[in-house]
Structure formats: C-alpha cells, structure tokens
N, C-alpha and C. Protein backbone atom coordinates (compact mmCIF):
# COMPACT_ATOMS: atom_id res chain seq x y z
N MET A 1 109.62 73.59 55.79
CA MET A 1 109.42 72.97 54.50
C MET A 1 107.97 73.18 54.07
N LEU A 2 107.79 73.61 52.83
CA LEU A 2 106.45 73.85 52.32
C LEU A 2 105.91 72.59 51.65
N VAL A 3 104.90 72.02 52.24
CA VAL A 3 104.34 70.79 51.71
C VAL A 3 103.32 71.09 50.61
N ASP A 4 102.55 72.16 50.76
CA ASP A 4 101.48 72.47 49.81
C ASP A 4 101.93 73.36 48.66
N ALA A 5 103.22 73.55 48.48
CA ALA A 5 103.71 74.46 47.44
C ALA A 5 104.03 73.71 46.14
N TYR A 6 103.09 73.00 45.64
CA TYR A 6 103.24 72.30 44.36
C TYR A 6 102.51 73.09 43.29
N TRP A 7 102.72 72.73 42.02
CA TRP A 7 102.07 73.45 40.93
C TRP A 7 100.55 73.27 40.97
N THR A 8 100.08 72.18 41.56
CA THR A 8 98.63 71.96 41.63
C THR A 8 97.95 72.97 42.55
N MET A 9 98.70 73.48 43.53
CA MET A 9 98.13 74.47 44.44
C MET A 9 97.83 75.76 43.70
N SER A 10 98.71 76.18 42.80
CA SER A 10 98.44 77.41 42.05
C SER A 10 97.25 77.21 41.11
N GLY A 11 97.10 76.01 40.57
CA GLY A 11 95.93 75.71 39.74
C GLY A 11 94.65 75.76 40.55
N LEU A 12 94.72 75.32 41.79
CA LEU A 12 93.56 75.36 42.66
C LEU A 12 93.16 76.80 42.98
N VAL A 13 94.13 77.66 43.18
CA VAL A 13 93.84 79.08 43.45
C VAL A 13 93.19 79.71 42.23
N ILE A 14 93.67 79.40 41.04
CA ILE A 14 93.06 79.93 39.81
C ILE A 14 91.64 79.41 39.66
N LEU A 15 91.42 78.12 39.95
CA LEU A 15 90.07 77.55 39.88
C LEU A 15 89.13 78.25 40.85
N MET A 16 89.59 78.51 42.06
CA MET A 16 88.76 79.21 43.05
C MET A 16 88.38 80.60 42.56
N THR A 17 89.33 81.28 41.93
CA THR A 17 89.06 82.62 41.40
C THR A 17 88.08 82.57 40.25
N LEU A 18 88.22 81.59 39.37
CA LEU A 18 87.30 81.46 38.23
C LEU A 18 85.90 81.09 38.68
N VAL A 19 85.78 80.22 39.68
CA VAL A 19 84.45 79.81 40.16
C VAL A 19 83.74 80.99 40.82
N GLY A 20 84.47 81.76 41.63
CA GLY A 20 83.85 82.86 42.36
C GLY A 20 83.70 84.13 41.55
N GLY A 21 84.60 84.35 40.62
CA GLY A 21 84.60 85.59 39.83
C GLY A 21 85.72 86.51 40.28
N MET A 22 86.19 87.34 39.36
CA MET A 22 87.34 88.18 39.65
C MET A 22 86.99 89.64 39.89
N SER A 23 85.73 90.01 39.87
CA SER A 23 85.37 91.43 39.92
C SER A 23 85.66 92.09 41.27
N THR A 24 85.48 91.38 42.36
CA THR A 24 85.73 91.93 43.69
C THR A 24 86.51 90.92 44.52
N MET A 25 86.85 91.28 45.73
CA MET A 25 87.52 90.33 46.63
C MET A 25 86.55 89.27 47.11
N PHE A 26 85.26 89.55 47.06
CA PHE A 26 84.25 88.59 47.51
C PHE A 26 84.18 87.38 46.59
N GLY A 27 84.45 87.56 45.31
CA GLY A 27 84.38 86.46 44.34
C GLY A 27 85.34 85.33 44.64
N PRO A 28 86.64 85.59 44.76
CA PRO A 28 87.56 84.51 45.11
C PRO A 28 87.28 83.88 46.48
N LEU A 29 86.80 84.67 47.43
CA LEU A 29 86.44 84.10 48.73
C LEU A 29 85.25 83.14 48.58
N LEU A 30 84.28 83.52 47.77
CA LEU A 30 83.14 82.64 47.51
C LEU A 30 83.60 81.38 46.77
N GLY A 31 84.49 81.55 45.80
CA GLY A 31 85.03 80.41 45.07
C GLY A 31 85.78 79.45 45.99
N THR A 32 86.54 80.01 46.94
CA THR A 32 87.25 79.18 47.92
C THR A 32 86.27 78.38 48.75
N PHE A 33 85.22 79.03 49.21
CA PHE A 33 84.21 78.34 50.02
C PHE A 33 83.57 77.20 49.23
N ILE A 34 83.23 77.45 47.98
CA ILE A 34 82.59 76.42 47.14
C ILE A 34 83.52 75.25 46.90
N ILE A 35 84.78 75.52 46.55
CA ILE A 35 85.72 74.45 46.25
C ILE A 35 86.00 73.61 47.50
N VAL A 36 86.21 74.26 48.64
CA VAL A 36 86.47 73.52 49.89
C VAL A 36 85.26 72.68 50.27
N LEU A 37 84.07 73.23 50.11
CA LEU A 37 82.85 72.48 50.41
C LEU A 37 82.71 71.26 49.49
N LEU A 38 82.97 71.46 48.20
CA LEU A 38 82.88 70.35 47.25
C LEU A 38 83.94 69.28 47.54
N GLU A 39 85.14 69.69 47.91
CA GLU A 39 86.18 68.71 48.24
C GLU A 39 85.75 67.84 49.42
N GLY A 40 85.16 68.46 50.41
CA GLY A 40 84.70 67.71 51.57
C GLY A 40 83.56 66.76 51.22
N ARG A 41 82.60 67.25 50.46
CA ARG A 41 81.44 66.41 50.10
C ARG A 41 81.84 65.26 49.18
N LEU A 42 82.64 65.54 48.18
CA LEU A 42 83.07 64.50 47.26
C LEU A 42 83.98 63.49 47.95
N GLY A 43 84.76 63.95 48.91
CA GLY A 43 85.61 63.04 49.68
C GLY A 43 84.77 62.10 50.52
N ASP A 44 83.66 62.61 51.08
CA ASP A 44 82.76 61.76 51.86
C ASP A 44 82.10 60.71 50.98
N ILE A 45 81.70 61.09 49.79
CA ILE A 45 81.05 60.17 48.87
C ILE A 45 82.04 59.10 48.40
N GLY A 46 83.24 59.54 48.04
CA GLY A 46 84.24 58.61 47.53
C GLY A 46 84.89 57.76 48.61
N GLY A 47 84.70 58.11 49.88
CA GLY A 47 85.30 57.37 50.97
C GLY A 47 84.73 55.96 51.13
N GLY A 48 83.52 55.74 50.69
CA GLY A 48 82.89 54.43 50.82
C GLY A 48 83.22 53.47 49.70
N ILE A 49 83.94 53.95 48.69
CA ILE A 49 84.28 53.10 47.56
C ILE A 49 85.62 52.42 47.83
N ASP A 50 85.63 51.10 47.74
CA ASP A 50 86.87 50.34 47.97
C ASP A 50 87.39 49.75 46.70
C-alpha cells in the first residue's frame, strides 16, 4: 500500500524542482535538499508550540 502517494506529494516534487531549478539534474536535487532541511527546521521550531 502506498502511503505517500497523495496529490500533495506531486506538489512537493514540483516545489522541489522550482526551488532548485530545472536546467540540470543538480537543480531538483538541490531543491530536495533545501525543502527537506526546511521541513526539519520548521518542525523543530513548531514542536514547542502547544
């Protein structure tokens, strides 16, 4: 069963590509790194809010 196969996942892939750039394969990889890093950091910040 695919748990992560929702429409939001495809939007996330497009966001990663737009953040990194589409000119080479390095752009989407960079975008993925940035988005994953931001998700972790923002999750840490928001974790203390009750």
